[in-house]
Amino acid sequence: MAGVSTKEIKTRIRSMESTRQITRAMEMVASAKLRKAQTQALNCRPYFETLYATMWDIVNHDRDFSSPYLAGRNGNKAAFIVISGDRGLAGGYNSNVLKLLSAQMEGKDAAILPIGKKGADYFKAHKIPVLTENYTTAETVNIGDCFSVAKQLCKAYLQGQYDKVYVVYTDFRSVLSQETRCLQLLPLEKQGDAPSGTVQEMLYEPDSETVFAAIVPEYLGGVLYGALCESRASEQAARRTAMDAATQNAQEMIDGLSLQFNRARQAAITQEITEIIAGS
């Protein structure tokens, strides 16, 4: 910063201090939203774990059971539900989701249903058609919307419009670790063992296939809502980490500018003293 006046350096310091205040405030807001998203995800799990246990209890104990939701298909028509954020300043959160989607779409006749403004803007900019723009603000999407989406996609799947249905989201591992995932929703795949305590012999009215067909859209709506909560928590964790790093970088720049300011002021004082001595 040779030749920069002390006044200019002080202006830059004030600018960086203002930036530091903003990034610190955003970090605190992200921390509060992160706790809320984690609580939502934990509170909804018991209900959908029960639905999951009931589904696979039917499949495992009814020898004559069959369902189109379980039958694999060889076609390449796929629907992707893509959950992204509404805002940036969250590190690689949004870009990682879109990169994984691009990789999963290769070789498939894909239809996109975006949840989140960043994803919707990306598809619009790249002229990629979407199924609907009703859910472009992820923050306002609720559990009822997730059930509606699940029922619509289940109906389209049964009609043969899609051979597979996926959701692309970010799995929350910890505040410092989030992983983008592409989860297959249809046809159904067993995810580990059902929770213990399920009833081995149970009668379903009117029959097990009807009960199973009624449960699947509800379960998928729950999975989608869980993925939404995980993504929300991941977004806030990524934003918190990014804003913490930005705050630290701002502080480092302030320290460097303060040192530069002190050196410039010292050089100016030394020059004045030299000029006084020379004049005397």
Protein backbone atom coordinates (compact mmCIF):
# COMPACT_ATOMS: atom_id res chain seq x y z
CA MET A 1 0.00 0.00 0.00
CA ALA A 2 2.87 2.31 -0.78
CA GLY A 3 1.80 5.88 -1.36
CA VAL A 4 -1.61 5.46 0.31
CA SER A 5 -2.46 8.25 2.74
CA THR A 6 -3.45 7.66 6.34
CA LYS A 7 -6.90 9.05 5.58
CA GLU A 8 -7.49 6.41 2.88
CA ILE A 9 -6.27 3.67 5.21
CA LYS A 10 -8.65 4.83 7.95
CA THR A 11 -11.51 4.78 5.44
CA ARG A 12 -10.68 1.19 4.51
CA ILE A 13 -10.48 0.20 8.17
CA ARG A 14 -13.95 1.64 8.83
CA SER A 15 -15.28 -0.20 5.78
CA MET A 16 -13.84 -3.53 6.98
CA GLU A 17 -15.21 -2.95 10.49
CA SER A 18 -18.67 -2.48 8.98
CA THR A 19 -18.25 -5.69 6.96
CA ARG A 20 -17.14 -7.55 10.08
CA GLN A 21 -20.26 -6.44 11.94
CA ILE A 22 -22.48 -7.66 9.10
CA THR A 23 -20.82 -11.07 8.80
CA ARG A 24 -20.88 -11.54 12.58
CA ALA A 25 -24.61 -10.73 12.67
CA MET A 26 -25.28 -13.17 9.80
CA GLU A 27 -23.35 -15.85 11.67
CA MET A 28 -25.54 -15.36 14.76
CA VAL A 29 -28.75 -15.48 12.69
CA ALA A 30 -27.56 -18.68 10.96
CA SER A 31 -26.84 -20.26 14.35
CA ALA A 32 -30.38 -19.53 15.57
CA LYS A 33 -31.97 -20.89 12.38
CA LEU A 34 -29.75 -23.97 12.56
CA ARG A 35 -31.10 -24.92 15.98
CA LYS A 36 -34.68 -24.49 14.73
CA ALA A 37 -34.07 -26.69 11.66
CA GLN A 38 -32.46 -29.43 13.76
CA THR A 39 -35.42 -29.40 16.15
CA GLN A 40 -37.90 -29.72 13.28
CA ALA A 41 -36.03 -32.69 11.82
CA LEU A 42 -35.87 -34.51 15.16
CA ASN A 43 -39.53 -33.90 16.05
CA CYS A 44 -40.91 -35.43 12.83
CA ARG A 45 -38.78 -38.59 12.80
CA PRO A 46 -40.82 -40.87 15.16
CA TYR A 47 -44.01 -40.58 13.08
CA PHE A 48 -42.32 -41.43 9.79
CA GLU A 49 -40.23 -44.19 11.34
CA THR A 50 -43.53 -45.82 12.34
CA LEU A 51 -44.84 -45.51 8.77
CA TYR A 52 -41.60 -47.03 7.49
CA ALA A 53 -41.85 -49.95 9.92
CA THR A 54 -45.46 -50.59 8.89
CA MET A 55 -44.60 -50.62 5.18
CA TRP A 56 -41.85 -53.15 5.48
CA ASP A 57 -43.83 -55.23 7.97
CA ILE A 58 -46.41 -55.66 5.19
CA VAL A 59 -43.77 -56.49 2.59
CA ASN A 60 -41.89 -58.97 4.78
CA HIS A 61 -44.86 -60.92 6.17
CA ASP A 62 -47.28 -61.08 3.24
CA ARG A 63 -46.01 -63.67 0.78
CA ASP A 64 -48.59 -62.79 -1.87
CA PHE A 65 -47.92 -59.07 -1.64
CA SER A 66 -47.05 -57.05 -4.73
CA SER A 67 -47.01 -53.32 -5.46
CA PRO A 68 -46.00 -51.13 -8.42
CA TYR A 69 -44.10 -48.99 -5.92
CA LEU A 70 -41.63 -51.86 -5.46
CA ALA A 71 -41.26 -53.02 -9.07
CA GLY A 72 -38.11 -51.83 -10.82
CA ARG A 73 -38.29 -50.32 -14.29
CA ASN A 74 -35.72 -50.20 -17.07
CA GLY A 75 -36.67 -46.83 -18.57
CA ASN A 76 -34.62 -43.65 -18.23
CA LYS A 77 -37.43 -41.19 -17.45
CA ALA A 78 -36.62 -39.67 -14.08
CA ALA A 79 -38.01 -36.90 -11.89
CA PHE A 80 -35.62 -34.97 -9.65
CA ILE A 81 -36.73 -32.93 -6.65
CA VAL A 82 -33.86 -30.48 -6.09
CA ILE A 83 -33.60 -28.73 -2.72
CA SER A 84 -31.37 -25.66 -2.71
CA GLY A 85 -31.24 -22.43 -0.70
CA ASP A 86 -32.98 -19.11 -1.18
CA ARG A 87 -29.85 -17.01 -0.60
CA GLY A 88 -26.13 -17.19 -1.18
CA LEU A 89 -23.23 -16.49 1.18
CA ALA A 90 -23.27 -20.14 2.25
CA GLY A 91 -19.99 -21.39 0.84
CA GLY A 92 -20.42 -24.23 -1.66
CA TYR A 93 -23.86 -25.29 -0.40
CA ASN A 94 -25.87 -24.44 -3.53
CA SER A 95 -23.16 -25.19 -6.09
CA ASN A 96 -22.55 -28.67 -4.62
CA VAL A 97 -26.24 -29.57 -4.96
CA LEU A 98 -26.33 -28.45 -8.60
CA LYS A 99 -23.10 -30.28 -9.43
CA LEU A 100 -24.48 -33.55 -8.03
CA LEU A 101 -27.72 -33.04 -9.96
CA SER A 102 -25.83 -32.52 -13.22
CA ALA A 103 -23.92 -35.75 -12.66
CA GLN A 104 -27.09 -37.72 -11.84
CA MET A 105 -29.01 -36.35 -14.86
CA GLU A 106 -26.51 -37.68 -17.41
CA GLY A 107 -28.13 -40.22 -19.73
CA LYS A 108 -31.61 -39.67 -18.29
CA ASP A 109 -34.73 -38.03 -19.65
CA ALA A 110 -35.01 -35.80 -16.59
CA ALA A 111 -37.79 -33.62 -15.21
CA ILE A 112 -36.91 -31.09 -12.51
CA LEU A 113 -38.95 -29.88 -9.55
CA PRO A 114 -36.95 -27.14 -7.79
CA ILE A 115 -37.36 -26.19 -4.14
CA GLY A 116 -35.35 -23.07 -3.38
CA LYS A 117 -34.71 -19.81 -5.22
CA LYS A 118 -31.07 -20.50 -6.11
CA GLY A 119 -31.94 -23.72 -7.89
CA ALA A 120 -34.89 -22.12 -9.69
CA ASP A 121 -32.70 -19.22 -10.85
CA TYR A 122 -30.07 -21.66 -12.11
CA PHE A 123 -32.57 -23.64 -14.20
CA LYS A 124 -34.09 -20.45 -15.56
CA ALA A 125 -30.68 -19.05 -16.54
CA HIS A 126 -29.73 -22.32 -18.29
CA LYS A 127 -33.19 -22.62 -19.90
CA ILE A 128 -33.91 -25.96 -18.24
CA PRO A 129 -37.69 -26.57 -18.02
CA VAL A 130 -39.16 -27.31 -14.60
CA LEU A 131 -42.36 -29.08 -13.56
CA THR A 132 -43.61 -26.22 -11.39
CA GLU A 133 -42.44 -22.94 -9.88
CA ASN A 134 -44.76 -23.13 -6.87
CA TYR A 135 -41.96 -24.02 -4.45
CA THR A 136 -39.20 -21.64 -5.47
CA THR A 137 -38.93 -20.23 -1.93
CA ALA A 138 -37.63 -23.05 0.25
CA GLU A 139 -38.15 -21.13 3.48
CA THR A 140 -41.94 -21.08 3.01
CA VAL A 141 -42.33 -24.74 1.98
CA ASN A 142 -44.07 -26.66 4.77
CA ILE A 143 -44.95 -30.26 5.50
CA GLY A 144 -48.28 -29.93 3.69
CA ASP A 145 -46.47 -28.89 0.51
CA CYS A 146 -44.21 -31.93 0.84
CA PHE A 147 -47.24 -34.22 1.06
CA SER A 148 -48.75 -32.56 -2.02
CA VAL A 149 -45.55 -33.02 -4.03
CA ALA A 150 -45.26 -36.65 -2.92
CA LYS A 151 -48.85 -37.45 -3.92
CA GLN A 152 -48.46 -35.78 -7.33
CA LEU A 153 -45.26 -37.69 -8.08
CA CYS A 154 -46.73 -40.99 -6.87
CA LYS A 155 -49.67 -40.49 -9.21
CA ALA A 156 -47.35 -39.64 -12.11
CA TYR A 157 -45.20 -42.68 -11.30
CA LEU A 158 -48.19 -45.04 -11.32
CA GLN A 159 -49.28 -43.57 -14.67
CA GLY A 160 -45.86 -44.38 -16.12
CA GLN A 161 -44.70 -40.80 -16.60
CA TYR A 162 -41.51 -41.55 -14.65
CA ASP A 163 -39.49 -44.69 -14.13
CA LYS A 164 -37.63 -43.32 -11.11
CA VAL A 165 -38.06 -40.45 -8.68
CA TYR A 166 -35.14 -38.90 -6.80
CA VAL A 167 -34.56 -36.13 -4.30
CA VAL A 168 -31.25 -34.24 -4.35
CA TYR A 169 -30.52 -32.55 -1.06
CA THR A 170 -27.78 -31.91 1.52
CA ASP A 171 -27.48 -34.28 4.47
CA PHE A 172 -26.60 -32.57 7.74
CA ARG A 173 -23.80 -34.42 9.56
CA SER A 174 -22.47 -31.69 11.82
CA VAL A 175 -21.91 -27.95 11.85
CA LEU A 176 -18.66 -28.49 9.96
CA SER A 177 -19.74 -31.40 7.76
CA GLN A 178 -22.57 -31.57 5.22
CA GLU A 179 -22.88 -34.08 2.37
CA THR A 180 -24.91 -33.73 -0.81
CA ARG A 181 -26.98 -36.82 -1.55
CA CYS A 182 -29.21 -38.17 -4.29
CA LEU A 183 -31.83 -40.41 -2.67
CA GLN A 184 -34.10 -42.64 -4.73
CA LEU A 185 -37.72 -42.28 -3.66
CA LEU A 186 -39.39 -44.54 -6.24
CA PRO A 187 -39.32 -47.43 -6.73
CA LEU A 188 -38.94 -48.01 -3.01
CA GLU A 189 -35.69 -49.42 -1.70
CA LYS A 190 -35.34 -50.78 1.79
CA GLN A 191 -33.10 -48.51 3.87
CA GLY A 192 -31.64 -50.82 6.51
CA ASP A 193 -33.77 -52.75 9.01
CA ALA A 194 -37.12 -51.62 10.25
CA PRO A 195 -37.22 -50.41 13.86
CA SER A 196 -37.68 -53.12 16.46
CA GLY A 197 -41.01 -53.74 18.10
CA THR A 198 -43.10 -54.14 14.93
CA VAL A 199 -45.99 -56.57 15.12
CA GLN A 200 -45.25 -59.82 13.28
CA GLU A 201 -48.85 -60.88 12.64
CA MET A 202 -51.31 -58.14 11.74
CA LEU A 203 -54.51 -57.95 9.74
CA TYR A 204 -54.99 -54.98 7.42
CA GLU A 205 -58.39 -53.76 6.25
CA PRO A 206 -59.51 -53.89 3.52
CA ASP A 207 -56.24 -55.61 2.53
CA SER A 208 -52.50 -55.12 2.88
CA GLU A 209 -52.00 -53.81 -0.68
CA THR A 210 -54.58 -51.04 -0.19
CA VAL A 211 -53.02 -50.04 3.13
CA PHE A 212 -49.55 -50.07 1.59
CA ALA A 213 -50.68 -47.93 -1.36
CA ALA A 214 -52.15 -45.40 1.09
CA ILE A 215 -49.04 -45.30 3.28
CA VAL A 216 -46.46 -44.81 0.50
CA PRO A 217 -47.38 -41.20 -0.45
CA GLU A 218 -47.51 -40.27 3.25
CA TYR A 219 -44.13 -41.86 3.87
CA LEU A 220 -42.54 -40.21 0.85
CA GLY A 221 -43.95 -36.87 1.95
CA GLY A 222 -42.23 -37.44 5.27
CA VAL A 223 -38.96 -38.36 3.60
CA LEU A 224 -39.17 -35.22 1.49
CA TYR A 225 -39.89 -33.08 4.54
CA GLY A 226 -36.99 -34.70 6.36
CA ALA A 227 -34.70 -33.94 3.41
CA LEU A 228 -35.97 -30.35 3.46
CA CYS A 229 -35.18 -30.01 7.17
CA GLU A 230 -31.75 -31.57 6.65
CA SER A 231 -31.08 -29.15 3.80
CA ARG A 232 -32.19 -26.17 5.83
CA ALA A 233 -29.90 -27.19 8.68
CA SER A 234 -27.04 -27.76 6.23
CA GLU A 235 -27.57 -24.37 4.60
CA GLN A 236 -27.47 -22.54 7.92
CA ALA A 237 -24.43 -24.54 9.06
CA ALA A 238 -22.63 -23.75 5.80
CA ARG A 239 -23.59 -20.07 6.10
CA ARG A 240 -22.46 -19.97 9.71
CA THR A 241 -19.09 -21.46 8.76
CA ALA A 242 -18.71 -19.11 5.78
CA MET A 243 -19.62 -16.04 7.83
CA ASP A 244 -17.28 -17.08 10.64
CA ALA A 245 -14.45 -17.37 8.11
CA ALA A 246 -15.43 -14.01 6.60
CA THR A 247 -15.42 -12.39 10.05
CA GLN A 248 -11.96 -13.77 10.76
CA ASN A 249 -10.69 -12.59 7.38
CA ALA A 250 -12.13 -9.14 8.01
CA GLN A 251 -10.39 -8.99 11.37
CA GLU A 252 -7.09 -10.03 9.77
CA MET A 253 -7.48 -7.28 7.17
CA ILE A 254 -8.27 -4.74 9.89
CA ASP A 255 -5.15 -5.79 11.79
CA GLY A 256 -3.06 -5.48 8.62
CA LEU A 257 -4.54 -2.08 7.77
CA SER A 258 -4.00 -0.87 11.34
CA LEU A 259 -0.36 -1.87 11.13
CA GLN A 260 -0.07 -0.13 7.75
CA PHE A 261 -1.75 2.96 9.22
CA ASN A 262 0.66 3.07 12.16
CA ARG A 263 3.64 2.69 9.83
CA ALA A 264 2.38 5.45 7.53
CA ARG A 265 1.76 7.76 10.47
CA GLN A 266 5.20 6.98 11.90
CA ALA A 267 6.80 7.66 8.52
CA ALA A 268 4.95 10.98 8.26
CA ILE A 269 6.09 12.01 11.76
CA THR A 270 9.67 10.99 10.98
CA GLN A 271 9.59 13.01 7.77
CA GLU A 272 8.29 16.09 9.59
CA ILE A 273 11.01 15.81 12.23
CA THR A 274 13.64 15.45 9.49
CA GLU A 275 12.32 18.53 7.71
CA ILE A 276 12.35 20.55 10.96
CA ILE A 277 15.94 19.52 11.71
CA ALA A 278 17.05 20.29 8.16
CA GLY A 279 15.38 23.69 8.27
CA SER A 280 16.98 24.61 11.58
